[in-house]
Each structure stands twice: as C-alpha cells, then as structure tokens.
C-alpha atoms as a PDB file:
ATOM      1  CA  MET A   1     125.660  77.299 167.970  1.00  0.00           C
ATOM      2  CA  SER A   2     127.085  79.562 165.290  1.00  0.00           C
ATOM      3  CA  VAL A   3     125.580  82.648 163.939  1.00  0.00           C
ATOM      4  CA  LEU A   4     125.058  81.416 160.462  1.00  0.00           C
ATOM      5  CA  GLY A   5     123.478  78.220 162.174  1.00  0.00           C
ATOM      6  CA  ALA A   6     120.862  80.293 164.073  1.00  0.00           C
ATOM      7  CA  ARG A   7     117.052  79.748 164.014  1.00  0.00           C
ATOM      8  CA  GLY A   8     115.490  82.065 161.085  1.00  0.00           C
ATOM      9  CA  VAL A   9     118.708  83.679 159.801  1.00  0.00           C
ATOM     10  CA  ARG A  10     119.350  81.522 156.847  1.00  0.00           C
ATOM     11  CA  GLY A  11     116.855  82.627 155.044  1.00  0.00           C
ATOM     12  CA  PRO A  12     117.510  86.544 155.206  1.00  0.00           C
ATOM     13  CA  LEU A  13     121.477  85.549 154.488  1.00  0.00           C
ATOM     14  CA  LEU A  14     120.420  83.798 151.484  1.00  0.00           C
ATOM     15  CA  PHE A  15     118.636  86.577 150.530  1.00  0.00           C
ATOM     16  CA  LEU A  16     121.237  89.176 150.821  1.00  0.00           C
ATOM     17  CA  ALA A  17     123.879  86.960 149.295  1.00  0.00           C
ATOM     18  CA  ALA A  18     121.783  86.721 146.593  1.00  0.00           C
ATOM     19  CA  LEU A  19     120.938  89.994 146.479  1.00  0.00           C
ATOM     20  CA  THR A  20     124.232  91.018 146.201  1.00  0.00           C
ATOM     21  CA  VAL A  21     125.288  88.600 143.583  1.00  0.00           C
ATOM     22  CA  ALA A  22     122.705  89.815 141.196  1.00  0.00           C
ATOM     23  CA  ALA A  23     123.541  93.738 142.175  1.00  0.00           C
ATOM     24  CA  VAL A  24     127.188  93.300 140.873  1.00  0.00           C
ATOM     25  CA  VAL A  25     126.753  90.604 138.065  1.00  0.00           C
ATOM     26  CA  GLY A  26     123.166  91.315 137.021  1.00  0.00           C
ATOM     27  CA  PRO A  27     123.454  94.603 135.195  1.00  0.00           C
ATOM     28  CA  ALA A  28     125.857  92.767 133.272  1.00  0.00           C
ATOM     29  CA  LEU A  29     124.521  90.029 132.241  1.00  0.00           C
ATOM     30  CA  TRP A  30     120.620  91.655 131.683  1.00  0.00           C
ATOM     31  CA  SER A  31     120.468  92.595 127.976  1.00  0.00           C
ATOM     32  CA  ALA A  32     118.674  96.178 129.306  1.00  0.00           C
ATOM     33  CA  ASP A  33     120.571  99.420 129.525  1.00  0.00           C
ATOM     34  CA  PRO A  34     119.216 100.386 132.895  1.00  0.00           C
ATOM     35  CA  SER A  35     120.117 104.561 131.565  1.00  0.00           C
ATOM     36  CA  ALA A  36     119.248 103.980 128.026  1.00  0.00           C
ATOM     37  CA  ILE A  37     116.208 106.371 127.023  1.00  0.00           C
ATOM     38  CA  GLY A  38     114.725 104.843 123.325  1.00  0.00           C
ATOM     39  CA  ASP A  39     111.371 105.377 121.945  1.00  0.00           C
ATOM     40  CA  VAL A  40     109.955 106.912 125.139  1.00  0.00           C
ATOM     41  CA  LEU A  41     106.154 106.858 124.012  1.00  0.00           C
ATOM     42  CA  ALA A  42     106.269 102.920 122.755  1.00  0.00           C
ATOM     43  CA  THR A  43     108.132 101.835 125.796  1.00  0.00           C
ATOM     44  CA  ARG A  44     106.994 104.090 128.806  1.00  0.00           C
ATOM     45  CA  LEU A  45     105.200 102.684 131.713  1.00  0.00           C
ATOM     46  CA  LEU A  46     105.116  99.104 130.328  1.00  0.00           C
ATOM     47  CA  PRO A  47     103.610  96.674 133.079  1.00  0.00           C
ATOM     48  CA  PRO A  48     105.701  93.744 134.509  1.00  0.00           C
ATOM     49  CA  GLY A  49     106.496  91.044 132.057  1.00  0.00           C
ATOM     50  CA  ALA A  50     104.902  93.170 129.219  1.00  0.00           C
ATOM     51  CA  THR A  51     107.264  92.868 125.692  1.00  0.00           C
ATOM     52  CA  ASP A  52     107.995  96.115 124.113  1.00  0.00           C
ATOM     53  CA  ALA A  53     107.771  97.002 120.146  1.00  0.00           C
ATOM     54  CA  GLY A  54     111.316  95.838 119.855  1.00  0.00           C
ATOM     55  CA  GLY A  55     110.420  92.535 121.330  1.00  0.00           C
ATOM     56  CA  ALA A  56     112.580  93.246 124.601  1.00  0.00           C
ATOM     57  CA  TRP A  57     110.677  91.489 127.539  1.00  0.00           C
ATOM     58  CA  HIS A  58     110.910  93.922 131.070  1.00  0.00           C
ATOM     59  CA  PRO A  59     109.638  91.378 134.135  1.00  0.00           C
ATOM     60  CA  LEU A  60     109.480  94.157 136.149  1.00  0.00           C
ATOM     61  CA  GLY A  61     107.869  96.828 133.541  1.00  0.00           C
ATOM     62  CA  THR A  62     109.267 100.258 132.868  1.00  0.00           C
ATOM     63  CA  ASP A  63     109.279 103.818 134.237  1.00  0.00           C
ATOM     64  CA  ARG A  64     107.905 107.381 132.792  1.00  0.00           C
ATOM     65  CA  PHE A  65     111.542 106.921 130.126  1.00  0.00           C
ATOM     66  CA  GLY A  66     111.103 103.127 129.216  1.00  0.00           C
ATOM     67  CA  ARG A  67     114.124 102.194 131.105  1.00  0.00           C
ATOM     68  CA  ASP A  68     113.911  98.926 132.328  1.00  0.00           C
ATOM     69  CA  LEU A  69     113.266  98.657 136.062  1.00  0.00           C
ATOM     70  CA  LEU A  70     114.530  95.060 136.639  1.00  0.00           C
ATOM     71  CA  ALA A  71     118.091  96.539 135.689  1.00  0.00           C
ATOM     72  CA  ARG A  72     117.683  99.880 137.293  1.00  0.00           C
ATOM     73  CA  THR A  73     116.846  98.467 140.440  1.00  0.00           C
ATOM     74  CA  LEU A  74     119.718  96.147 140.381  1.00  0.00           C
ATOM     75  CA  VAL A  75     122.014  98.867 139.749  1.00  0.00           C
ATOM     76  CA  ALA A  76     120.115 100.622 142.684  1.00  0.00           C
ATOM     77  CA  ALA A  77     120.819  98.165 144.949  1.00  0.00           C
ATOM     78  CA  ARG A  78     124.568  98.140 144.173  1.00  0.00           C
ATOM     79  CA  LEU A  79     124.858 101.762 144.756  1.00  0.00           C
ATOM     80  CA  SER A  80     122.385 101.597 148.007  1.00  0.00           C
ATOM     81  CA  LEU A  81     124.148  98.330 149.319  1.00  0.00           C
ATOM     82  CA  ALA A  82     127.372 100.015 148.989  1.00  0.00           C
ATOM     83  CA  VAL A  83     126.784 103.400 150.440  1.00  0.00           C
ATOM     84  CA  GLY A  84     124.838 101.716 153.461  1.00  0.00           C
ATOM     85  CA  VAL A  85     127.960  99.250 154.243  1.00  0.00           C
ATOM     86  CA  ALA A  86     130.570 101.902 153.885  1.00  0.00           C
ATOM     87  CA  GLY A  87     128.554 104.609 156.081  1.00  0.00           C
ATOM     88  CA  SER A  88     127.837 102.065 158.796  1.00  0.00           C
ATOM     89  CA  VAL A  89     131.589 100.683 158.804  1.00  0.00           C
ATOM     90  CA  LEU A  90     133.136 104.324 159.016  1.00  0.00           C
ATOM     91  CA  SER A  91     130.722 105.038 161.787  1.00  0.00           C
ATOM     92  CA  GLY A  92     131.575 102.253 163.730  1.00  0.00           C
ATOM     93  CA  ALA A  93     135.221 102.934 162.920  1.00  0.00           C
ATOM     94  CA  LEU A  94     134.923 106.286 164.155  1.00  0.00           C
ATOM     95  CA  GLY A  95     133.070 105.511 167.242  1.00  0.00           C
ATOM     96  CA  THR A  96     135.522 102.808 168.042  1.00  0.00           C
ATOM     97  CA  ALA A  97     138.305 105.386 167.778  1.00  0.00           C
ATOM     98  CA  LEU A  98     136.641 108.130 169.995  1.00  0.00           C
ATOM     99  CA  GLY A  99     135.007 105.833 172.415  1.00  0.00           C
ATOM    100  CA  ALA A 100     138.774 103.944 173.248  1.00  0.00           C
ATOM    101  CA  TRP A 101     140.461 106.939 173.188  1.00  0.00           C
ATOM    102  CA  ALA A 102     138.230 108.773 175.545  1.00  0.00           C
ATOM    103  CA  ALA A 103     138.268 105.654 178.073  1.00  0.00           C
ATOM    104  CA  TRP A 104     141.700 105.514 177.913  1.00  0.00           C
ATOM    105  CA  ARG A 105     142.671 108.902 178.580  1.00  0.00           C
ATOM    106  CA  GLY A 106     140.068 109.836 180.596  1.00  0.00           C
ATOM    107  CA  GLY A 107     139.517 113.023 182.226  1.00  0.00           C
ATOM    108  CA  VAL A 108     138.798 116.207 180.020  1.00  0.00           C
ATOM    109  CA  THR A 109     139.380 114.252 176.997  1.00  0.00           C
ATOM    110  CA  ASP A 110     136.725 111.361 178.045  1.00  0.00           C
ATOM    111  CA  LEU A 111     134.565 114.263 179.557  1.00  0.00           C
ATOM    112  CA  ALA A 112     134.508 116.132 175.955  1.00  0.00           C
ATOM    113  CA  VAL A 113     133.799 112.986 174.145  1.00  0.00           C
ATOM    114  CA  THR A 114     131.011 111.568 176.224  1.00  0.00           C
ATOM    115  CA  ALA A 115     129.603 115.180 176.402  1.00  0.00           C
ATOM    116  CA  LEU A 116     129.710 115.605 172.271  1.00  0.00           C
ATOM    117  CA  ALA A 117     127.945 112.192 171.856  1.00  0.00           C
ATOM    118  CA  ASP A 118     125.227 112.903 174.300  1.00  0.00           C
ATOM    119  CA  ALA A 119     124.556 116.128 172.818  1.00  0.00           C
ATOM    120  CA  LEU A 120     124.427 114.676 169.139  1.00  0.00           C
ATOM    121  CA  LEU A 121     122.401 112.118 170.693  1.00  0.00           C
ATOM    122  CA  ALA A 122     119.825 114.321 171.903  1.00  0.00           C
ATOM    123  CA  VAL A 123     119.082 115.292 168.460  1.00  0.00           C
ATOM    124  CA  PRO A 124     117.199 112.886 166.000  1.00  0.00           C
ATOM    125  CA  ARG A 125     119.431 111.717 163.187  1.00  0.00           C
ATOM    126  CA  ILE A 126     117.471 112.403 160.710  1.00  0.00           C
ATOM    127  CA  VAL A 127     117.483 115.978 161.294  1.00  0.00           C
ATOM    128  CA  LEU A 128     121.552 115.823 161.691  1.00  0.00           C
ATOM    129  CA  LEU A 129     121.517 113.803 158.460  1.00  0.00           C
ATOM    130  CA  LEU A 130     119.644 116.756 156.664  1.00  0.00           C
ATOM    131  CA  VAL A 131     121.356 119.371 158.059  1.00  0.00           C
ATOM    132  CA  VAL A 132     124.793 118.178 157.144  1.00  0.00           C
ATOM    133  CA  ALA A 133     123.914 117.130 153.653  1.00  0.00           C
ATOM    134  CA  ALA A 134     122.429 120.077 152.863  1.00  0.00           C
ATOM    135  CA  LEU A 135     125.741 121.612 153.951  1.00  0.00           C
ATOM    136  CA  TRP A 136     127.705 119.637 151.867  1.00  0.00           C
ATOM    137  CA  GLY A 137     126.014 118.696 148.830  1.00  0.00           C
ATOM    138  CA  PRO A 138     124.283 115.584 147.446  1.00  0.00           C
ATOM    139  CA  GLY A 139     126.241 112.603 146.268  1.00  0.00           C
ATOM    140  CA  ALA A 140     127.120 109.015 147.037  1.00  0.00           C
ATOM    141  CA  VAL A 141     130.633 109.818 148.961  1.00  0.00           C
ATOM    142  CA  THR A 142     129.046 112.893 150.902  1.00  0.00           C
ATOM    143  CA  THR A 143     126.397 110.441 151.816  1.00  0.00           C
ATOM    144  CA  VAL A 144     128.731 108.098 152.848  1.00  0.00           C
ATOM    145  CA  ALA A 145     130.579 111.005 155.106  1.00  0.00           C
ATOM    146  CA  VAL A 146     127.349 112.048 156.448  1.00  0.00           C
ATOM    147  CA  LEU A 147     126.153 108.890 157.179  1.00  0.00           C
ATOM    148  CA  ALA A 148     129.484 108.282 159.114  1.00  0.00           C
ATOM    149  CA  VAL A 149     129.468 111.425 160.556  1.00  0.00           C
ATOM    150  CA  THR A 150     126.108 111.351 162.157  1.00  0.00           C
ATOM    151  CA  GLY A 151     126.104 107.502 163.267  1.00  0.00           C
ATOM    152  CA  TRP A 152     129.182 107.141 165.588  1.00  0.00           C
ATOM    153  CA  MET A 153     127.943 108.430 168.840  1.00  0.00           C
ATOM    154  CA  GLY A 154     125.931 105.167 169.963  1.00  0.00           C
ATOM    155  CA  VAL A 155     129.291 103.097 168.990  1.00  0.00           C
ATOM    156  CA  ALA A 156     131.428 105.535 171.128  1.00  0.00           C
ATOM    157  CA  ARG A 157     129.551 104.926 174.474  1.00  0.00           C
ATOM    158  CA  LEU A 158     129.620 101.021 173.906  1.00  0.00           C
ATOM    159  CA  VAL A 159     132.950 101.192 173.278  1.00  0.00           C
ATOM    160  CA  ARG A 160     134.250 103.325 175.962  1.00  0.00           C
ATOM    161  CA  ALA A 161     132.175 101.229 178.449  1.00  0.00           C
ATOM    162  CA  GLU A 162     133.745  98.024 177.219  1.00  0.00           C
ATOM    163  CA  VAL A 163     137.650  99.920 177.103  1.00  0.00           C
ATOM    164  CA  LEU A 164     136.879 100.873 180.614  1.00  0.00           C
ATOM    165  CA  GLY A 165     136.132  97.464 181.820  1.00  0.00           C
ATOM    166  CA  VAL A 166     138.864  95.614 180.207  1.00  0.00           C
ATOM    167  CA  ARG A 167     141.757  98.377 181.116  1.00  0.00           C
ATOM    168  CA  ARG A 168     141.655  96.821 184.737  1.00  0.00           C
ATOM    169  CA  ARG A 169     142.034  93.460 183.470  1.00  0.00           C
ATOM    170  CA  ASP A 170     145.645  91.657 184.710  1.00  0.00           C
ATOM    171  CA  PHE A 171     146.758  90.962 181.154  1.00  0.00           C
ATOM    172  CA  VAL A 172     146.802  94.920 180.362  1.00  0.00           C
ATOM    173  CA  ASP A 173     148.712  95.411 184.265  1.00  0.00           C
ATOM    174  CA  GLY A 174     151.210  92.564 182.579  1.00  0.00           C
ATOM    175  CA  ALA A 175     151.635  94.232 179.135  1.00  0.00           C
ATOM    176  CA  ARG A 176     152.594  97.328 180.896  1.00  0.00           C
ATOM    177  CA  ALA A 177     154.845  95.605 183.411  1.00  0.00           C
ATOM    178  CA  LEU A 178     156.644  94.256 180.167  1.00  0.00           C
ATOM    179  CA  GLY A 179     157.342  97.679 178.572  1.00  0.00           C
ATOM    180  CA  ALA A 180     154.359  98.245 176.158  1.00  0.00           C
ATOM    181  CA  THR A 181     153.732 101.791 175.468  1.00  0.00           C
ATOM    182  CA  ASP A 182     150.337 103.482 175.855  1.00  0.00           C
ATOM    183  CA  ALA A 183     149.342 103.230 172.104  1.00  0.00           C
ATOM    184  CA  ARG A 184     150.281  99.473 171.999  1.00  0.00           C
ATOM    185  CA  LEU A 185     148.509  98.446 174.932  1.00  0.00           C
ATOM    186  CA  LEU A 186     145.177 100.604 173.925  1.00  0.00           C
ATOM    187  CA  TRP A 187     145.092  99.371 170.329  1.00  0.00           C
ATOM    188  CA  ARG A 188     146.860  95.755 170.832  1.00  0.00           C
ATOM    189  CA  HIS A 189     145.419  94.766 173.814  1.00  0.00           C
ATOM    190  CA  VAL A 190     142.831  96.641 174.614  1.00  0.00           C
ATOM    191  CA  VAL A 191     140.486  97.081 171.851  1.00  0.00           C
ATOM    192  CA  PRO A 192     140.638  94.343 170.590  1.00  0.00           C
ATOM    193  CA  ASN A 193     139.062  92.709 173.893  1.00  0.00           C
ATOM    194  CA  ALA A 194     136.257  95.576 173.516  1.00  0.00           C
ATOM    195  CA  LEU A 195     135.436  95.299 169.789  1.00  0.00           C
ATOM    196  CA  GLY A 196     132.054  93.201 170.363  1.00  0.00           C
ATOM    197  CA  ALA A 197     130.096  95.415 171.142  1.00  0.00           C
ATOM    198  CA  ALA A 198     131.215  97.635 168.092  1.00  0.00           C
ATOM    199  CA  LEU A 199     130.656  94.832 165.797  1.00  0.00           C
ATOM    200  CA  VAL A 200     127.277  93.858 166.957  1.00  0.00           C
ATOM    201  CA  ALA A 201     126.194  97.897 166.845  1.00  0.00           C
ATOM    202  CA  THR A 202     127.883  98.025 163.067  1.00  0.00           C
ATOM    203  CA  SER A 203     126.120  95.008 161.803  1.00  0.00           C
ATOM    204  CA  LEU A 204     122.671  96.367 163.359  1.00  0.00           C
ATOM    205  CA  GLY A 205     123.299  99.862 161.344  1.00  0.00           C
ATOM    206  CA  VAL A 206     123.895  98.667 158.287  1.00  0.00           C
ATOM    207  CA  GLY A 207     119.975  98.230 157.197  1.00  0.00           C
ATOM    208  CA  ASN A 208     119.426 101.788 159.100  1.00  0.00           C
ATOM    209  CA  ALA A 209     121.998 103.316 157.192  1.00  0.00           C
ATOM    210  CA  ILE A 210     120.564 101.807 153.860  1.00  0.00           C
ATOM    211  CA  LEU A 211     117.277 102.960 154.685  1.00  0.00           C
ATOM    212  CA  LEU A 212     118.667 106.495 155.831  1.00  0.00           C
ATOM    213  CA  GLU A 213     120.211 106.713 152.227  1.00  0.00           C
ATOM    214  CA  SER A 214     117.364 106.025 150.545  1.00  0.00           C
ATOM    215  CA  GLY A 215     115.745 108.771 152.474  1.00  0.00           C
ATOM    216  CA  LEU A 216     117.730 111.190 151.661  1.00  0.00           C
ATOM    217  CA  SER A 217     117.942 110.263 148.159  1.00  0.00           C
ATOM    218  CA  PHE A 218     114.321 110.624 148.237  1.00  0.00           C
ATOM    219  CA  LEU A 219     114.630 114.053 149.042  1.00  0.00           C
ATOM    220  CA  GLY A 220     117.120 114.663 146.581  1.00  0.00           C
ATOM    221  CA  LEU A 221     120.405 115.415 148.886  1.00  0.00           C
ATOM    222  CA  GLY A 222     121.405 111.697 148.504  1.00  0.00           C
ATOM    223  CA  ILE A 223     122.858 109.904 144.758  1.00  0.00           C
ATOM    224  CA  GLN A 224     121.183 112.457 142.462  1.00  0.00           C
ATOM    225  CA  PRO A 225     119.607 110.998 138.986  1.00  0.00           C
ATOM    226  CA  PRO A 226     120.225 109.821 136.633  1.00  0.00           C
ATOM    227  CA  ALA A 227     122.464 107.319 138.890  1.00  0.00           C
ATOM    228  CA  PRO A 228     119.867 105.248 140.355  1.00  0.00           C
ATOM    229  CA  SER A 229     119.304 104.461 144.024  1.00  0.00           C
ATOM    230  CA  TRP A 230     116.312 103.069 145.476  1.00  0.00           C
ATOM    231  CA  GLY A 231     115.334 106.498 147.227  1.00  0.00           C
ATOM    232  CA  ASN A 232     115.250 108.337 144.058  1.00  0.00           C
ATOM    233  CA  LEU A 233     113.454 105.034 142.022  1.00  0.00           C
ATOM    234  CA  ILE A 234     110.796 105.611 144.597  1.00  0.00           C
ATOM    235  CA  ALA A 235     110.729 109.459 144.609  1.00  0.00           C
ATOM    236  CA  GLY A 236     110.427 109.006 140.464  1.00  0.00           C
ATOM    237  CA  GLY A 237     107.364 106.738 141.066  1.00  0.00           C
ATOM    238  CA  ARG A 238     105.276 108.578 143.744  1.00  0.00           C
ATOM    239  CA  GLU A 239     103.661 110.356 141.266  1.00  0.00           C
ATOM    240  CA  LEU A 240     102.164 107.284 139.557  1.00  0.00           C
ATOM    241  CA  ILE A 241     101.315 105.138 142.547  1.00  0.00           C
ATOM    242  CA  ILE A 242      97.422 105.260 141.177  1.00  0.00           C
ATOM    243  CA  THR A 243      98.605 104.859 137.458  1.00  0.00           C
ATOM    244  CA  ALA A 244     101.648 102.743 137.293  1.00  0.00           C
ATOM    245  CA  PRO A 245     102.338 101.840 141.210  1.00  0.00           C
ATOM    246  CA  TRP A 246     105.000  99.392 139.998  1.00  0.00           C
ATOM    247  CA  VAL A 247     107.403 102.222 139.147  1.00  0.00           C
ATOM    248  CA  ALA A 248     107.353 102.869 143.231  1.00  0.00           C
ATOM    249  CA  LEU A 249     106.468  99.489 144.136  1.00  0.00           C
ATOM    250  CA  VAL A 250     108.934  97.469 143.012  1.00  0.00           C
ATOM    251  CA  PRO A 251     112.049  99.470 144.480  1.00  0.00           C
ATOM    252  CA  GLY A 252     109.938  99.986 147.658  1.00  0.00           C
ATOM    253  CA  LEU A 253     109.420  96.250 148.524  1.00  0.00           C
ATOM    254  CA  ALA A 254     113.232  95.692 147.610  1.00  0.00           C
ATOM    255  CA  LEU A 255     114.467  98.383 150.276  1.00  0.00           C
ATOM    256  CA  VAL A 256     111.532  96.699 152.705  1.00  0.00           C
ATOM    257  CA  ALA A 257     113.026  93.655 152.206  1.00  0.00           C
ATOM    258  CA  THR A 258     116.711  94.281 152.438  1.00  0.00           C
ATOM    259  CA  VAL A 259     116.302  96.462 155.552  1.00  0.00           C
ATOM    260  CA  LEU A 260     114.219  93.600 157.462  1.00  0.00           C
ATOM    261  CA  ALA A 261     116.928  91.293 156.264  1.00  0.00           C
ATOM    262  CA  CYS A 262     119.940  93.203 157.561  1.00  0.00           C
ATOM    263  CA  THR A 263     118.088  93.542 160.838  1.00  0.00           C
ATOM    264  CA  ARG A 264     117.552  90.274 161.404  1.00  0.00           C
ATOM    265  CA  LEU A 265     121.095  89.121 160.706  1.00  0.00           C
ATOM    266  CA  GLY A 266     122.211  92.015 163.192  1.00  0.00           C
ATOM    267  CA  ASP A 267     119.834  90.619 165.927  1.00  0.00           C
ATOM    268  CA  ALA A 268     121.273  86.912 165.365  1.00  0.00           C
ATOM    269  CA  VAL A 269     124.602  88.447 165.920  1.00  0.00           C
ATOM    270  CA  ARG A 270     123.563  90.352 169.188  1.00  0.00           C
ATOM    271  CA  ASP A 271     121.909  87.486 170.407  1.00  0.00           C
ATOM    272  CA  ARG A 272     124.702  85.511 170.058  1.00  0.00           C
ATOM    273  CA  LEU A 273     127.479  87.901 171.816  1.00  0.00           C
ATOM    274  CA  ALA A 274     124.510  88.207 174.336  1.00  0.00           C
ATOM    275  CA  GLY A 275     124.520  84.609 174.986  1.00  0.00           C
ATOM    276  CA  GLU A 276     128.422  84.631 175.371  1.00  0.00           C
ATOM    277  CA  THR A 277     128.621  87.556 177.820  1.00  0.00           C
ATOM    278  CA  ALA A 278     126.081  86.351 180.420  1.00  0.00           C
ATOM    279  CA  GLY A 279     122.809  87.234 178.599  1.00  0.00           C
ATOM    280  CA  VAL A 280     123.773  90.981 178.171  1.00  0.00           C
ATOM    281  CA  ARG A 281     121.841  92.419 175.625  1.00  0.00           C
ATOM    282  CA  LEU A 282     123.104  95.151 173.655  1.00  0.00           C
ATOM    283  CA  PRO A 283     121.311  98.714 172.674  1.00  0.00           C
ATOM    284  CA  VAL A 284     119.875  99.065 168.855  1.00  0.00           C
ATOM    285  CA  GLU A 285     120.483 102.368 167.479  1.00  0.00           C
ATOM    286  CA  ARG A 286     117.263 103.900 165.924  1.00  0.00           C
ATOM    287  CA  ALA A 287     116.546 106.716 163.205  1.00  0.00           C
END
C-alpha cells in the first residue's frame, strides 16, 4: 500500500493541496487588496460575513485597519508555507551532508560533528531560535536560515547511523574494487541508500518549522509587518481577542489545521518506511 493510499492520509493531503493552491492563486483572484488601507473608520473590525459601505464582502471579516482577513490569511499562508518548507528542506540537506560526512570520515571528524550535534540538542530549539534570530535580525530569509541552522542535528544523527550500516555492504566494496573514489562512493552509492530516514525526518519537520516560524513572527523576530504571516496576524489580534476574536482566530485556526495535516502526512511516511524496514520506528523531532 502506498503512502497516499494509507488510511487517514487523503484528508490532510487534500487540505494541504487546497491550501497551497488557494495561497498561490487566491490573492490574485480575490478582489480585496490584502495591504490596502482605505476608510478605516468605516471598514475596521467588521465581523465575518459583513459587507462594508462600498459593497465589498468580507467572508472572514476585517482587521483593525479595515484590511480583508481572507486575503491576508491567504498571503500569510503563502509566506508561512514557503518559509516552513524551505527551512525544513535546508535543515534536512545540512543534516544529511554533515551526518554522512562524519560517518564516512570517522575519527576526529565524527567525534566533532557528533559532539556539536549533541551539545545543540541539549538546548531547547526555541532558545536557539530566539538567540540566532536576535543576532541576525528579523526577515523571511533570516527565518529560513535560522530554521536550517537550528534544525539539522536530528537529521545528522539519523543519517550518520544509516551510513555506518550502509558502508559495510558488499556493493560498496564492489564499487571500491572497481576504482570508485571516496567521494563517488559516499555521494553516489552510500548516501542514496541512507536517505530514507532523512526524508522522513524532513517531512515530519515541515509542520514543526511552520509552527516555529509563526512563533518567531509572533514575537517580532520573524516576518515583519506589513508583510503578513500567521504569526504576526495572531500577534496583531491578541489584544482584540474579546472584542473582535476573529482577527486572531482565523490565522490561528489556519495554523493549527496546517500543522496537524503536515504531522499526519509525516507520520504516514514514517509508518510506511518503518513497515519496509522491519517495523523500526524513526524518532520524531519536537520543538
């Protein structure tokens, strides 16, 4: 049975596909400008389903500046998904490279990479994120880099363990006997056979990265206004949670649903791979 056909996967997959399409094409099709500030007094804090004085319909309401929440939530989805996926993929690539290199070289290199990974894993990731983000400054590109720099350790340990096992197989000795260089052996023969764990860890890390990005943006260390992200939309509505709760609830519910869907898909990939590897369950990175 394929991963896409696994029980309980189609719902999250359809949700993520629909969200991605809506985030990419929705703002262009929706008439409301997510950044336009018009007659604030006439359009601010309209409830979901309201129509303003100009006849524009706001299905999810407006914020304190009269901006349409549906349009801003879709634009925020585009940024949050892009930053989360990019940060997770980059951290997976960095962890794969360092873990494979450490296992292949061994000796001092292996000890140094392993010690660095263990030391960083001993510190809660959110603390590392806050420190690095504060040093590098806010912004989307910085957030991607911060997620990559603080998230490679778990992948590196998984890949290191896989490479240590793969390098002893007969086909590696055969390729070496045929004259393959160490670099070719590692990147052409060993790493492709050790990528399963890295792919699972990366897929599980997407939802975690989206959540962490939103946390940084909420604290003012991630994507900065007026560019919308789910984190700064929630931050902008936290003071209105009693008088206009939809301002924070709309992006908050979108964030929760997306993270749950990503986690469910990651679990399906992990369970599928575990079934192909004698039922060994792979660890899950948590924030």
